[in-house]
């Protein structure tokens, strides 16, 4: 049985999704170091969460490593800060 791509987020939904998920993912990564989301298994969802990972990286000034597969997406907070940047005030 072929799996169908869900309806993409509207521009308004995406505008709410990105900051909310960025804050959530940043907190989770600071607390746990890594996280796996099984529900992120379609190309559209993976693109959205790739943007979230990019935003978390900029927010925390630390690299976020992502691995995507048909079974979900894994996020990991890399050790150390990005080159040429100081640590974020919210980073422990």
N, C-alpha and C. Protein backbone atom coordinates (compact mmCIF):
# COMPACT_ATOMS: atom_id res chain seq x y z
N UNK A 1 0.83 -1.18 0.00
CA UNK A 1 0.00 0.00 0.00
C UNK A 1 0.88 1.25 0.00
N UNK A 2 0.61 2.13 -0.89
CA UNK A 2 1.41 3.35 -1.02
C UNK A 2 0.97 4.39 0.00
N UNK A 3 1.95 4.98 0.65
CA UNK A 3 1.67 6.02 1.63
C UNK A 3 1.56 7.36 0.93
N UNK A 4 0.56 8.14 1.29
CA UNK A 4 0.32 9.43 0.65
C UNK A 4 0.86 10.55 1.53
N UNK A 5 1.41 11.56 0.88
CA UNK A 5 1.92 12.75 1.55
C UNK A 5 0.74 13.52 2.13
N UNK A 6 0.81 13.91 3.42
CA UNK A 6 -0.27 14.72 3.98
C UNK A 6 -0.33 16.10 3.33
N UNK A 7 -1.43 16.77 3.52
CA UNK A 7 -1.60 18.12 2.99
C UNK A 7 -0.53 19.03 3.59
N UNK A 8 0.19 19.79 2.77
CA UNK A 8 1.23 20.69 3.30
C UNK A 8 0.63 21.76 4.20
N UNK A 9 1.45 22.28 5.09
CA UNK A 9 1.00 23.37 5.96
C UNK A 9 0.72 24.61 5.12
N UNK A 10 -0.29 25.35 5.53
CA UNK A 10 -0.56 26.64 4.89
C UNK A 10 0.53 27.62 5.34
N UNK A 11 0.70 28.74 4.66
CA UNK A 11 1.69 29.73 5.11
C UNK A 11 1.45 30.19 6.54
N UNK A 12 0.19 30.34 6.95
CA UNK A 12 -0.12 30.75 8.32
C UNK A 12 0.26 29.65 9.32
N UNK A 13 -0.04 28.40 8.98
CA UNK A 13 0.33 27.28 9.86
C UNK A 13 1.84 27.16 9.98
N UNK A 14 2.53 27.33 8.86
CA UNK A 14 3.99 27.25 8.87
C UNK A 14 4.59 28.39 9.70
N UNK A 15 3.99 29.58 9.63
CA UNK A 15 4.47 30.72 10.42
C UNK A 15 4.31 30.47 11.91
N UNK A 16 3.33 29.69 12.33
CA UNK A 16 3.17 29.34 13.74
C UNK A 16 4.02 28.13 14.11
N UNK A 17 4.13 27.19 13.18
CA UNK A 17 4.87 25.95 13.42
C UNK A 17 6.36 26.20 13.69
N UNK A 18 6.99 26.99 12.84
CA UNK A 18 8.45 27.16 12.93
C UNK A 18 8.92 27.71 14.28
N UNK A 19 8.37 28.82 14.79
CA UNK A 19 8.86 29.29 16.09
C UNK A 19 8.49 28.37 17.25
N UNK A 20 7.29 27.78 17.20
CA UNK A 20 6.88 26.88 18.29
C UNK A 20 7.77 25.64 18.35
N UNK A 21 8.02 25.02 17.20
CA UNK A 21 8.85 23.82 17.17
C UNK A 21 10.32 24.14 17.43
N UNK A 22 10.76 25.33 17.03
CA UNK A 22 12.14 25.74 17.31
C UNK A 22 12.36 25.82 18.81
N UNK A 23 11.46 26.48 19.52
CA UNK A 23 11.59 26.58 20.98
C UNK A 23 11.53 25.21 21.63
N UNK A 24 10.59 24.38 21.19
CA UNK A 24 10.42 23.05 21.77
C UNK A 24 11.66 22.18 21.53
N UNK A 25 12.15 22.15 20.29
CA UNK A 25 13.30 21.31 19.97
C UNK A 25 14.55 21.80 20.69
N UNK A 26 14.73 23.10 20.80
CA UNK A 26 15.89 23.65 21.53
C UNK A 26 15.87 23.17 22.98
N UNK A 27 14.71 23.26 23.64
CA UNK A 27 14.61 22.81 25.04
C UNK A 27 14.90 21.31 25.16
N UNK A 28 14.32 20.52 24.26
CA UNK A 28 14.52 19.07 24.30
C UNK A 28 16.00 18.70 24.10
N UNK A 29 16.65 19.36 23.14
CA UNK A 29 18.05 19.04 22.87
C UNK A 29 18.95 19.48 24.02
N UNK A 30 18.65 20.61 24.64
CA UNK A 30 19.45 21.05 25.78
C UNK A 30 19.30 20.08 26.95
N UNK A 31 18.11 19.54 27.11
CA UNK A 31 17.84 18.62 28.22
C UNK A 31 18.38 17.22 27.95
N UNK A 32 18.17 16.72 26.72
CA UNK A 32 18.47 15.32 26.41
C UNK A 32 19.68 15.10 25.53
N UNK A 33 20.07 16.09 24.74
CA UNK A 33 21.21 15.95 23.84
C UNK A 33 20.84 15.41 22.47
N UNK A 34 19.84 14.52 22.42
CA UNK A 34 19.39 14.00 21.13
C UNK A 34 17.91 13.63 21.25
N UNK A 35 17.27 13.47 20.10
CA UNK A 35 15.84 13.22 20.07
C UNK A 35 15.49 12.55 18.75
N UNK A 36 14.59 11.58 18.79
CA UNK A 36 14.12 10.92 17.57
C UNK A 36 12.61 11.12 17.47
N UNK A 37 12.16 11.58 16.30
CA UNK A 37 10.74 11.78 16.04
C UNK A 37 10.31 10.82 14.93
N UNK A 38 9.49 9.83 15.29
CA UNK A 38 9.05 8.85 14.31
C UNK A 38 8.03 9.44 13.34
N UNK A 39 7.29 10.44 13.75
CA UNK A 39 6.23 11.01 12.90
C UNK A 39 6.77 11.87 11.76
N UNK A 40 8.04 12.15 11.75
CA UNK A 40 8.64 12.99 10.70
C UNK A 40 9.16 12.03 9.61
N UNK A 41 8.22 11.49 8.84
CA UNK A 41 8.58 10.45 7.89
C UNK A 41 8.20 10.75 6.45
N UNK A 42 7.76 11.98 6.18
CA UNK A 42 7.45 12.38 4.81
C UNK A 42 8.40 13.49 4.38
N UNK A 43 8.66 13.65 3.10
CA UNK A 43 9.57 14.70 2.64
C UNK A 43 9.15 16.10 3.10
N UNK A 44 7.87 16.40 3.08
CA UNK A 44 7.41 17.73 3.52
C UNK A 44 7.69 17.97 4.99
N UNK A 45 7.38 16.98 5.83
CA UNK A 45 7.67 17.12 7.25
C UNK A 45 9.16 17.22 7.51
N UNK A 46 9.94 16.44 6.79
CA UNK A 46 11.39 16.49 6.97
C UNK A 46 11.96 17.84 6.57
N UNK A 47 11.44 18.44 5.50
CA UNK A 47 11.89 19.79 5.11
C UNK A 47 11.56 20.80 6.21
N UNK A 48 10.35 20.71 6.75
CA UNK A 48 9.96 21.64 7.82
C UNK A 48 10.85 21.48 9.04
N UNK A 49 11.12 20.25 9.44
CA UNK A 49 11.96 20.03 10.62
C UNK A 49 13.43 20.32 10.34
N UNK A 50 13.85 20.22 9.08
CA UNK A 50 15.22 20.62 8.74
C UNK A 50 15.37 22.13 8.96
N UNK A 51 14.34 22.90 8.60
CA UNK A 51 14.35 24.34 8.86
C UNK A 51 14.34 24.61 10.36
N UNK A 52 13.57 23.83 11.11
CA UNK A 52 13.55 23.98 12.58
C UNK A 52 14.95 23.72 13.14
N UNK A 53 15.60 22.66 12.67
CA UNK A 53 16.95 22.34 13.14
C UNK A 53 17.93 23.48 12.83
N UNK A 54 17.79 24.08 11.66
CA UNK A 54 18.64 25.21 11.28
C UNK A 54 18.41 26.38 12.24
N UNK A 55 17.15 26.64 12.58
CA UNK A 55 16.82 27.74 13.50
C UNK A 55 17.34 27.45 14.91
N UNK A 56 17.25 26.19 15.34
CA UNK A 56 17.77 25.82 16.67
C UNK A 56 19.28 26.02 16.70
N UNK A 57 19.94 25.64 15.64
CA UNK A 57 21.39 25.83 15.55
C UNK A 57 21.75 27.31 15.70
N UNK A 58 21.02 28.18 15.02
CA UNK A 58 21.28 29.62 15.12
C UNK A 58 20.95 30.14 16.51
N UNK A 59 19.87 29.66 17.10
CA UNK A 59 19.46 30.10 18.43
C UNK A 59 20.47 29.72 19.50
N UNK A 60 20.92 28.47 19.45
CA UNK A 60 21.85 27.98 20.47
C UNK A 60 23.31 28.22 20.11
N UNK A 61 23.54 28.63 18.88
CA UNK A 61 24.88 28.82 18.35
C UNK A 61 25.72 27.55 18.49
N UNK A 62 25.03 26.43 18.23
CA UNK A 62 25.66 25.10 18.24
C UNK A 62 25.08 24.32 17.07
N UNK A 63 25.89 23.48 16.51
CA UNK A 63 25.45 22.68 15.37
C UNK A 63 24.41 21.64 15.81
N UNK A 64 23.37 21.49 15.00
CA UNK A 64 22.38 20.44 15.21
C UNK A 64 22.54 19.44 14.06
N UNK A 65 22.82 18.21 14.41
CA UNK A 65 23.01 17.15 13.43
C UNK A 65 21.66 16.46 13.22
N UNK A 66 21.26 16.29 11.96
CA UNK A 66 20.00 15.62 11.66
C UNK A 66 20.26 14.42 10.76
N UNK A 67 19.47 13.37 10.99
CA UNK A 67 19.49 12.18 10.15
C UNK A 67 18.05 11.84 9.82
N UNK A 68 17.74 11.78 8.52
CA UNK A 68 16.38 11.49 8.07
C UNK A 68 16.32 10.10 7.44
N UNK A 69 15.19 9.43 7.66
CA UNK A 69 14.95 8.15 7.00
C UNK A 69 13.44 8.00 6.81
N UNK A 70 13.04 6.92 6.22
CA UNK A 70 11.61 6.67 6.03
C UNK A 70 10.93 6.33 7.36
N UNK A 71 11.72 6.16 8.42
CA UNK A 71 11.18 5.81 9.73
C UNK A 71 11.14 7.00 10.68
N UNK A 72 11.59 8.16 10.24
CA UNK A 72 11.56 9.34 11.11
C UNK A 72 12.80 10.19 10.94
N UNK A 73 13.04 11.00 11.96
CA UNK A 73 14.16 11.94 11.91
C UNK A 73 14.80 12.00 13.29
N UNK A 74 16.12 12.02 13.32
CA UNK A 74 16.87 12.11 14.56
C UNK A 74 17.62 13.43 14.59
N UNK A 75 17.62 14.07 15.75
CA UNK A 75 18.29 15.34 15.96
C UNK A 75 19.29 15.16 17.09
N UNK A 76 20.48 15.72 16.92
CA UNK A 76 21.50 15.63 17.96
C UNK A 76 22.21 16.96 18.07
N UNK A 77 22.41 17.40 19.29
CA UNK A 77 23.12 18.64 19.55
C UNK A 77 24.61 18.32 19.59
N UNK A 78 25.37 18.89 18.67
CA UNK A 78 26.80 18.62 18.59
C UNK A 78 27.52 19.30 19.75
N UNK A 79 28.63 18.70 20.15
CA UNK A 79 29.46 19.31 21.18
C UNK A 79 30.13 20.55 20.64
N UNK A 80 30.29 21.54 21.48
CA UNK A 80 30.99 22.76 21.08
C UNK A 80 30.11 23.73 20.34
N UNK A 81 30.58 24.95 20.27
CA UNK A 81 29.83 26.01 19.61
C UNK A 81 30.25 26.13 18.15
N UNK A 82 29.47 26.86 17.39
CA UNK A 82 29.83 27.11 16.01
C UNK A 82 31.08 27.98 15.95
N UNK A 83 31.86 27.79 14.93
CA UNK A 83 33.12 28.54 14.79
C UNK A 83 32.88 30.04 14.78
N UNK A 84 33.64 30.77 15.56
CA UNK A 84 33.56 32.23 15.57
C UNK A 84 32.40 32.81 16.33
N UNK A 85 31.72 31.99 17.15
CA UNK A 85 30.56 32.49 17.89
C UNK A 85 30.70 32.15 19.36
N UNK A 86 30.12 33.01 20.18
CA UNK A 86 30.08 32.75 21.61
C UNK A 86 28.84 31.94 21.92
N UNK A 87 28.82 31.28 23.07
CA UNK A 87 27.67 30.49 23.47
C UNK A 87 26.45 31.34 23.73
N UNK A 88 25.29 30.78 23.45
CA UNK A 88 24.03 31.45 23.72
C UNK A 88 23.83 31.63 25.22
N UNK A 89 23.12 32.66 25.61
CA UNK A 89 22.83 32.91 27.01
C UNK A 89 21.96 31.83 27.61
N UNK A 90 21.16 31.11 26.79
CA UNK A 90 20.30 30.07 27.32
C UNK A 90 20.96 28.71 27.37
N UNK A 91 22.17 28.58 26.85
CA UNK A 91 22.88 27.32 26.86
C UNK A 91 23.54 27.13 28.22
N UNK A 92 23.32 25.95 28.84
CA UNK A 92 23.94 25.73 30.16
C UNK A 92 25.45 25.61 30.06
